[in-house]
PDB file of N, CA and C in Angstrom:
ATOM      1  N   THR A   1     -22.462   0.152  -9.166  1.00  0.00           N
ATOM      2  CA  THR A   1     -22.438   1.272 -10.084  1.00  0.00           C
ATOM      3  C   THR A   1     -20.989   1.176 -10.688  1.00  0.00           C
ATOM      4  N   LEU A   2     -20.597   2.410 -11.418  1.00  0.00           N
ATOM      5  CA  LEU A   2     -19.301   2.365 -11.979  1.00  0.00           C
ATOM      6  C   LEU A   2     -18.227   2.665 -10.965  1.00  0.00           C
ATOM      7  N   LEU A   3     -18.505   3.312 -10.078  1.00  0.00           N
ATOM      8  CA  LEU A   3     -17.358   3.623  -8.884  1.00  0.00           C
ATOM      9  C   LEU A   3     -16.945   2.150  -8.293  1.00  0.00           C
ATOM     10  N   SER A   4     -18.082   1.455  -7.907  1.00  0.00           N
ATOM     11  CA  SER A   4     -17.783   0.224  -7.149  1.00  0.00           C
ATOM     12  C   SER A   4     -16.854  -0.783  -8.043  1.00  0.00           C
ATOM     13  N   PHE A   5     -17.155  -0.841  -9.555  1.00  0.00           N
ATOM     14  CA  PHE A   5     -16.633  -1.627 -10.371  1.00  0.00           C
ATOM     15  C   PHE A   5     -15.144  -1.204 -10.555  1.00  0.00           C
ATOM     16  N   ALA A   6     -14.872   0.272 -10.519  1.00  0.00           N
ATOM     17  CA  ALA A   6     -13.406   0.757 -10.680  1.00  0.00           C
ATOM     18  C   ALA A   6     -12.699   0.480  -9.505  1.00  0.00           C
ATOM     19  N   GLU A   7     -13.299   0.436  -8.255  1.00  0.00           N
ATOM     20  CA  GLU A   7     -12.527   0.033  -6.988  1.00  0.00           C
ATOM     21  C   GLU A   7     -12.345  -1.423  -7.006  1.00  0.00           C
ATOM     22  N   MET A   8     -13.044  -2.303  -7.503  1.00  0.00           N
ATOM     23  CA  MET A   8     -12.919  -3.578  -7.408  1.00  0.00           C
ATOM     24  C   MET A   8     -11.735  -4.005  -8.612  1.00  0.00           C
ATOM     25  N   GLU A   9     -11.764  -3.301  -9.636  1.00  0.00           N
ATOM     26  CA  GLU A   9     -10.635  -3.430 -10.523  1.00  0.00           C
ATOM     27  C   GLU A   9      -9.438  -3.123 -10.043  1.00  0.00           C
ATOM     28  N   ARG A  10      -9.354  -1.977  -9.369  1.00  0.00           N
ATOM     29  CA  ARG A  10      -8.110  -1.509  -8.697  1.00  0.00           C
ATOM     30  C   ARG A  10      -7.601  -2.528  -7.721  1.00  0.00           C
ATOM     31  N   ASP A  11      -8.577  -3.045  -6.796  1.00  0.00           N
ATOM     32  CA  ASP A  11      -8.158  -3.985  -5.876  1.00  0.00           C
ATOM     33  C   ASP A  11      -7.737  -5.430  -6.648  1.00  0.00           C
ATOM     34  N   MET A  12      -8.119  -5.741  -7.719  1.00  0.00           N
ATOM     35  CA  MET A  12      -7.695  -6.899  -8.479  1.00  0.00           C
ATOM     36  C   MET A  12      -6.242  -6.544  -8.955  1.00  0.00           C
ATOM     37  N   ILE A  13      -6.015  -5.316  -9.515  1.00  0.00           N
ATOM     38  CA  ILE A  13      -4.733  -5.004 -10.045  1.00  0.00           C
ATOM     39  C   ILE A  13      -3.588  -5.012  -8.845  1.00  0.00           C
ATOM     40  N   ILE A  14      -3.916  -4.454  -7.735  1.00  0.00           N
ATOM     41  CA  ILE A  14      -3.053  -4.641  -6.534  1.00  0.00           C
ATOM     42  C   ILE A  14      -2.631  -5.977  -6.272  1.00  0.00           C
ATOM     43  N   GLU A  15      -3.844  -6.719  -6.125  1.00  0.00           N
ATOM     44  CA  GLU A  15      -3.581  -8.246  -5.757  1.00  0.00           C
ATOM     45  C   GLU A  15      -2.713  -9.023  -6.689  1.00  0.00           C
ATOM     46  N   ARG A  16      -2.757  -8.666  -8.177  1.00  0.00           N
ATOM     47  CA  ARG A  16      -1.944  -9.311  -9.232  1.00  0.00           C
ATOM     48  C   ARG A  16      -0.521  -8.742  -8.928  1.00  0.00           C
ATOM     49  N   THR A  17      -0.442  -7.403  -8.690  1.00  0.00           N
ATOM     50  CA  THR A  17       0.908  -6.965  -8.589  1.00  0.00           C
ATOM     51  C   THR A  17       1.688  -7.468  -7.512  1.00  0.00           C
ATOM     52  N   GLN A  18       1.000  -7.582  -6.188  1.00  0.00           N
ATOM     53  CA  GLN A  18       1.636  -8.146  -5.166  1.00  0.00           C
ATOM     54  C   GLN A  18       1.979  -9.759  -5.440  1.00  0.00           C
ATOM     55  N   ALA A  19       1.103 -10.402  -6.042  1.00  0.00           N
ATOM     56  CA  ALA A  19       1.562 -11.782  -6.300  1.00  0.00           C
ATOM     57  C   ALA A  19       2.632 -11.856  -7.219  1.00  0.00           C
ATOM     58  N   GLY A  20       2.743 -11.024  -8.278  1.00  0.00           N
ATOM     59  CA  GLY A  20       3.827 -10.962  -9.087  1.00  0.00           C
ATOM     60  C   GLY A  20       5.232 -10.719  -8.343  1.00  0.00           C
ATOM     61  N   LYS A  21       5.187  -9.771  -7.337  1.00  0.00           N
ATOM     62  CA  LYS A  21       6.311  -9.489  -6.656  1.00  0.00           C
ATOM     63  C   LYS A  21       6.640 -10.656  -5.927  1.00  0.00           C
ATOM     64  N   ILE A  22       5.900 -11.446  -5.208  1.00  0.00           N
ATOM     65  CA  ILE A  22       6.087 -12.366  -4.311  1.00  0.00           C
ATOM     66  C   ILE A  22       6.808 -13.620  -5.275  1.00  0.00           C
ATOM     67  N   PHE A  23       6.109 -13.867  -6.509  1.00  0.00           N
ATOM     68  CA  PHE A  23       6.593 -14.871  -7.334  1.00  0.00           C
ATOM     69  C   PHE A  23       8.192 -14.532  -7.741  1.00  0.00           C
ATOM     70  N   ALA A  24       8.443 -13.300  -8.037  1.00  0.00           N
ATOM     71  CA  ALA A  24       9.760 -12.791  -8.395  1.00  0.00           C
ATOM     72  C   ALA A  24      10.645 -12.922  -7.396  1.00  0.00           C
ATOM     73  N   ARG A  25      10.217 -12.663  -6.033  1.00  0.00           N
ATOM     74  CA  ARG A  25      11.159 -12.722  -5.082  1.00  0.00           C
ATOM     75  C   ARG A  25      11.629 -14.297  -4.896  1.00  0.00           C
ATOM     76  N   GLN A  26      10.660 -15.108  -5.077  1.00  0.00           N
ATOM     77  CA  GLN A  26      10.925 -16.648  -4.766  1.00  0.00           C
ATOM     78  C   GLN A  26      11.645 -17.154  -6.023  1.00  0.00           C
ATOM     79  N   HIS A  27      11.601 -16.716  -7.141  1.00  0.00           N
ATOM     80  CA  HIS A  27      12.335 -17.392  -8.287  1.00  0.00           C
ATOM     81  C   HIS A  27      13.406 -16.624  -8.881  1.00  0.00           C
ATOM     82  N   ASN A  28      13.729 -15.504  -8.450  1.00  0.00           N
ATOM     83  CA  ASN A  28      14.826 -14.647  -8.962  1.00  0.00           C
ATOM     84  C   ASN A  28      15.612 -14.232  -7.597  1.00  0.00           C
ATOM     85  N   PRO A  29      16.834 -14.768  -7.482  1.00  0.00           N
ATOM     86  CA  PRO A  29      17.676 -14.388  -6.238  1.00  0.00           C
ATOM     87  C   PRO A  29      18.137 -12.930  -6.350  1.00  0.00           C
ATOM     88  N   ASN A  30      18.159 -12.255  -7.556  1.00  0.00           N
ATOM     89  CA  ASN A  30      18.596 -10.933  -7.663  1.00  0.00           C
ATOM     90  C   ASN A  30      17.535  -9.998  -7.630  1.00  0.00           C
ATOM     91  N   TYR A  31      16.301 -10.370  -7.382  1.00  0.00           N
ATOM     92  CA  TYR A  31      15.148  -9.683  -7.421  1.00  0.00           C
ATOM     93  C   TYR A  31      15.280  -8.154  -6.546  1.00  0.00           C
ATOM     94  N   LYS A  32      15.229  -6.960  -7.105  1.00  0.00           N
ATOM     95  CA  LYS A  32      15.055  -5.818  -6.393  1.00  0.00           C
ATOM     96  C   LYS A  32      13.953  -4.966  -6.967  1.00  0.00           C
ATOM     97  N   GLU A  33      13.253  -4.450  -5.960  1.00  0.00           N
ATOM     98  CA  GLU A  33      12.155  -3.580  -6.317  1.00  0.00           C
ATOM     99  C   GLU A  33      12.852  -2.035  -6.628  1.00  0.00           C
ATOM    100  N   GLY A  34      12.055  -1.351  -7.528  1.00  0.00           N
ATOM    101  CA  GLY A  34      12.299   0.064  -7.631  1.00  0.00           C
ATOM    102  C   GLY A  34      13.430   0.113  -8.945  1.00  0.00           C
ATOM    103  N   ARG A  35      13.752   1.360  -9.227  1.00  0.00           N
ATOM    104  CA  ARG A  35      14.541   1.767 -10.390  1.00  0.00           C
ATOM    105  C   ARG A  35      15.851   1.351  -9.983  1.00  0.00           C
ATOM    106  N   PRO A  36      16.673   0.741 -10.914  1.00  0.00           N
ATOM    107  CA  PRO A  36      17.918   0.460 -10.646  1.00  0.00           C
ATOM    108  C   PRO A  36      18.810   1.562 -10.499  1.00  0.00           C
ATOM    109  N   LYS A  37      19.853   1.578  -9.689  1.00  0.00           N
ATOM    110  CA  LYS A  37      20.717   2.551  -9.366  1.00  0.00           C
ATOM    111  C   LYS A  37      21.598   2.714 -10.593  1.00  0.00           C
ATOM    112  N   ARG A  38      22.042   4.243 -10.671  1.00  0.00           N
ATOM    113  CA  ARG A  38      22.979   4.613 -11.796  1.00  0.00           C
ATOM    114  C   ARG A  38      24.361   4.085 -11.648  1.00  0.00           C
ATOM    115  N   LYS A  39      24.844   3.638 -12.661  1.00  0.00           N
ATOM    116  CA  LYS A  39      26.322   2.987 -12.699  1.00  0.00           C
ATOM    117  C   LYS A  39      27.283   3.893 -12.880  1.00  0.00           C
ATOM    118  N   LYS A  40      28.494   3.805 -12.218  1.00  0.00           N
ATOM    119  CA  LYS A  40      29.579   4.693 -12.526  1.00  0.00           C
ATOM    120  C   LYS A  40      30.343   4.036 -13.759  1.00  0.00           C
ATOM    121  N   ASP A  41      29.748   4.146 -14.980  1.00  0.00           N
ATOM    122  CA  ASP A  41      30.314   3.738 -16.073  1.00  0.00           C
ATOM    123  C   ASP A  41      31.146   4.751 -16.913  1.00  0.00           C
ATOM    124  N   SER A  42      31.717   4.459 -18.055  1.00  0.00           N
ATOM    125  CA  SER A  42      32.657   5.336 -18.793  1.00  0.00           C
ATOM    126  C   SER A  42      31.819   6.498 -19.289  1.00  0.00           C
ATOM    127  N   ARG A  43      30.598   6.324 -19.586  1.00  0.00           N
ATOM    128  CA  ARG A  43      29.956   7.545 -20.098  1.00  0.00           C
ATOM    129  C   ARG A  43      29.612   8.415 -18.953  1.00  0.00           C
ATOM    130  N   ASN A  44      29.232   8.151 -17.900  1.00  0.00           N
ATOM    131  CA  ASN A  44      28.986   8.989 -16.777  1.00  0.00           C
ATOM    132  C   ASN A  44      30.323   9.492 -16.297  1.00  0.00           C
ATOM    133  N   MET A  45      31.434   8.915 -16.395  1.00  0.00           N
ATOM    134  CA  MET A  45      32.684   9.551 -15.987  1.00  0.00           C
ATOM    135  C   MET A  45      33.118  10.625 -17.073  1.00  0.00           C
ATOM    136  N   ALA A  46      32.769  10.440 -18.288  1.00  0.00           N
ATOM    137  CA  ALA A  46      32.941  11.502 -19.292  1.00  0.00           C
ATOM    138  C   ALA A  46      32.055  12.558 -19.074  1.00  0.00           C
ATOM    139  N   ILE A  47      30.984  12.326 -18.701  1.00  0.00           N
ATOM    140  CA  ILE A  47      29.944  13.554 -18.364  1.00  0.00           C
ATOM    141  C   ILE A  47      30.580  14.344 -17.088  1.00  0.00           C
ATOM    142  N   PHE A  48      30.942  13.554 -16.091  1.00  0.00           N
ATOM    143  CA  PHE A  48      31.479  14.204 -14.948  1.00  0.00           C
ATOM    144  C   PHE A  48      32.738  14.978 -15.222  1.00  0.00           C
ATOM    145  N   GLU A  49      33.740  14.445 -15.968  1.00  0.00           N
ATOM    146  CA  GLU A  49      35.014  15.298 -16.343  1.00  0.00           C
ATOM    147  C   GLU A  49      34.559  16.422 -17.130  1.00  0.00           C
ATOM    148  N   TYR A  50      33.645  16.230 -18.107  1.00  0.00           N
ATOM    149  CA  TYR A  50      33.358  17.475 -18.976  1.00  0.00           C
ATOM    150  C   TYR A  50      32.721  18.538 -18.151  1.00  0.00           C
ATOM    151  N   SER A  51      31.756  18.118 -17.268  1.00  0.00           N
ATOM    152  CA  SER A  51      31.195  19.027 -16.345  1.00  0.00           C
ATOM    153  C   SER A  51      31.991  19.807 -15.366  1.00  0.00           C
ATOM    154  N   ASN A  52      33.247  19.248 -15.268  1.00  0.00           N
ATOM    155  CA  ASN A  52      34.223  19.982 -14.337  1.00  0.00           C
ATOM    156  C   ASN A  52      34.791  21.228 -14.878  1.00  0.00           C
ATOM    157  N   SER A  53      34.747  21.195 -16.324  1.00  0.00           N
ATOM    158  CA  SER A  53      35.429  22.214 -16.908  1.00  0.00           C
ATOM    159  C   SER A  53      34.528  23.133 -17.828  1.00  0.00           C
ATOM    160  N   HIS A  54      33.356  22.833 -17.688  1.00  0.00           N
ATOM    161  CA  HIS A  54      32.112  23.373 -18.480  1.00  0.00           C
ATOM    162  C   HIS A  54      30.944  23.756 -17.498  1.00  0.00           C
ATOM    163  N   THR A  55      30.025  24.457 -17.820  1.00  0.00           N
ATOM    164  CA  THR A  55      28.879  24.687 -16.974  1.00  0.00           C
ATOM    165  C   THR A  55      27.981  23.343 -17.188  1.00  0.00           C
ATOM    166  N   VAL A  56      27.095  23.397 -16.154  1.00  0.00           N
ATOM    167  CA  VAL A  56      26.069  22.158 -16.312  1.00  0.00           C
ATOM    168  C   VAL A  56      25.215  22.167 -17.349  1.00  0.00           C
ATOM    169  N   LYS A  57      24.831  23.348 -17.954  1.00  0.00           N
ATOM    170  CA  LYS A  57      24.061  23.500 -19.027  1.00  0.00           C
ATOM    171  C   LYS A  57      24.856  23.179 -20.318  1.00  0.00           C
ATOM    172  N   GLU A  58      26.053  23.505 -20.384  1.00  0.00           N
ATOM    173  CA  GLU A  58      26.906  23.282 -21.409  1.00  0.00           C
ATOM    174  C   GLU A  58      27.205  21.716 -21.641  1.00  0.00           C
ATOM    175  N   ALA A  59      27.245  21.039 -20.362  1.00  0.00           N
ATOM    176  CA  ALA A  59      27.415  19.537 -20.306  1.00  0.00           C
ATOM    177  C   ALA A  59      26.330  18.966 -20.830  1.00  0.00           C
ATOM    178  N   ALA A  60      25.128  19.328 -20.298  1.00  0.00           N
ATOM    179  CA  ALA A  60      23.780  18.622 -20.742  1.00  0.00           C
ATOM    180  C   ALA A  60      23.586  18.732 -22.185  1.00  0.00           C
ATOM    181  N   GLU A  61      23.815  19.904 -22.868  1.00  0.00           N
ATOM    182  CA  GLU A  61      23.769  20.050 -24.230  1.00  0.00           C
ATOM    183  C   GLU A  61      24.701  19.251 -25.048  1.00  0.00           C
ATOM    184  N   ALA A  62      25.806  19.182 -24.671  1.00  0.00           N
ATOM    185  CA  ALA A  62      26.858  18.155 -25.274  1.00  0.00           C
ATOM    186  C   ALA A  62      26.624  16.840 -25.163  1.00  0.00           C
ATOM    187  N   PHE A  63      26.060  16.357 -24.145  1.00  0.00           N
ATOM    188  CA  PHE A  63      25.619  14.965 -23.979  1.00  0.00           C
ATOM    189  C   PHE A  63      24.209  14.726 -24.282  1.00  0.00           C
ATOM    190  N   ASN A  64      23.470  15.727 -24.687  1.00  0.00           N
ATOM    191  CA  ASN A  64      21.868  15.422 -24.908  1.00  0.00           C
ATOM    192  C   ASN A  64      21.212  14.976 -23.754  1.00  0.00           C
ATOM    193  N   ILE A  65      21.564  15.325 -22.631  1.00  0.00           N
ATOM    194  CA  ILE A  65      20.785  15.111 -21.308  1.00  0.00           C
ATOM    195  C   ILE A  65      20.185  16.225 -20.757  1.00  0.00           C
ATOM    196  N   SER A  66      19.382  15.972 -19.684  1.00  0.00           N
ATOM    197  CA  SER A  66      18.861  17.286 -18.963  1.00  0.00           C
ATOM    198  C   SER A  66      20.067  17.736 -17.875  1.00  0.00           C
ATOM    199  N   PRO A  67      20.029  19.024 -17.606  1.00  0.00           N
ATOM    200  CA  PRO A  67      20.981  19.840 -16.622  1.00  0.00           C
ATOM    201  C   PRO A  67      20.742  18.937 -15.283  1.00  0.00           C
ATOM    202  N   ARG A  68      19.615  18.425 -14.898  1.00  0.00           N
ATOM    203  CA  ARG A  68      19.413  17.869 -13.559  1.00  0.00           C
ATOM    204  C   ARG A  68      20.276  16.375 -13.624  1.00  0.00           C
ATOM    205  N   THR A  69      20.098  15.555 -14.787  1.00  0.00           N
ATOM    206  CA  THR A  69      20.987  14.475 -14.842  1.00  0.00           C
ATOM    207  C   THR A  69      22.545  14.846 -14.785  1.00  0.00           C
ATOM    208  N   VAL A  70      22.916  15.866 -15.212  1.00  0.00           N
ATOM    209  CA  VAL A  70      24.330  16.114 -15.088  1.00  0.00           C
ATOM    210  C   VAL A  70      24.732  16.589 -13.586  1.00  0.00           C
ATOM    211  N   GLN A  71      23.718  17.228 -12.957  1.00  0.00           N
ATOM    212  CA  GLN A  71      23.911  17.392 -11.523  1.00  0.00           C
ATOM    213  C   GLN A  71      23.931  16.126 -10.746  1.00  0.00           C
ATOM    214  N   TYR A  72      23.088  15.307 -11.083  1.00  0.00           N
ATOM    215  CA  TYR A  72      22.995  13.935 -10.257  1.00  0.00           C
ATOM    216  C   TYR A  72      24.177  13.311 -10.673  1.00  0.00           C
ATOM    217  N   ILE A  73      24.779  13.152 -11.847  1.00  0.00           N
ATOM    218  CA  ILE A  73      26.116  12.481 -12.079  1.00  0.00           C
ATOM    219  C   ILE A  73      27.253  13.041 -11.220  1.00  0.00           C
ATOM    220  N   LYS A  74      27.227  14.374 -11.289  1.00  0.00           N
ATOM    221  CA  LYS A  74      28.355  15.236 -10.550  1.00  0.00           C
ATOM    222  C   LYS A  74      28.255  14.736  -9.022  1.00  0.00           C
ATOM    223  N   LYS A  75      27.012  14.623  -8.496  1.00  0.00           N
ATOM    224  CA  LYS A  75      26.898  14.052  -7.232  1.00  0.00           C
ATOM    225  C   LYS A  75      27.358  12.679  -7.014  1.00  0.00           C
ATOM    226  N   LEU A  76      26.967  11.887  -7.896  1.00  0.00           N
ATOM    227  CA  LEU A  76      27.410  10.383  -7.766  1.00  0.00           C
ATOM    228  C   LEU A  76      28.922  10.249  -7.729  1.00  0.00           C
ATOM    229  N   PHE A  77      29.681  10.966  -8.293  1.00  0.00           N
ATOM    230  CA  PHE A  77      31.107  10.885  -8.384  1.00  0.00           C
ATOM    231  C   PHE A  77      31.921  11.711  -7.305  1.00  0.00           C
ATOM    232  N   ARG A  78      31.124  12.446  -6.330  1.00  0.00           N
ATOM    233  CA  ARG A  78      31.818  13.095  -5.302  1.00  0.00           C
ATOM    234  C   ARG A  78      31.829  12.120  -4.106  1.00  0.00           C
TER     235      ARG A  78
END
């Protein structure tokens, strides 16, 4: 039925994903899974310095980012 077809399709997706990861590990020496780490670049440094003299909300509005991102950047530079 439809449920068994959906399960089979999901299993095929998982197999293809795993095969792709294995291929990437073998052919890319810099392969890393997951989201890349945030960098301590000049923009993030500017956000950090601005947030030291302003509220998190003001910094978020000034740089057009979310307040949570400002908090994360502040944590990154501590």
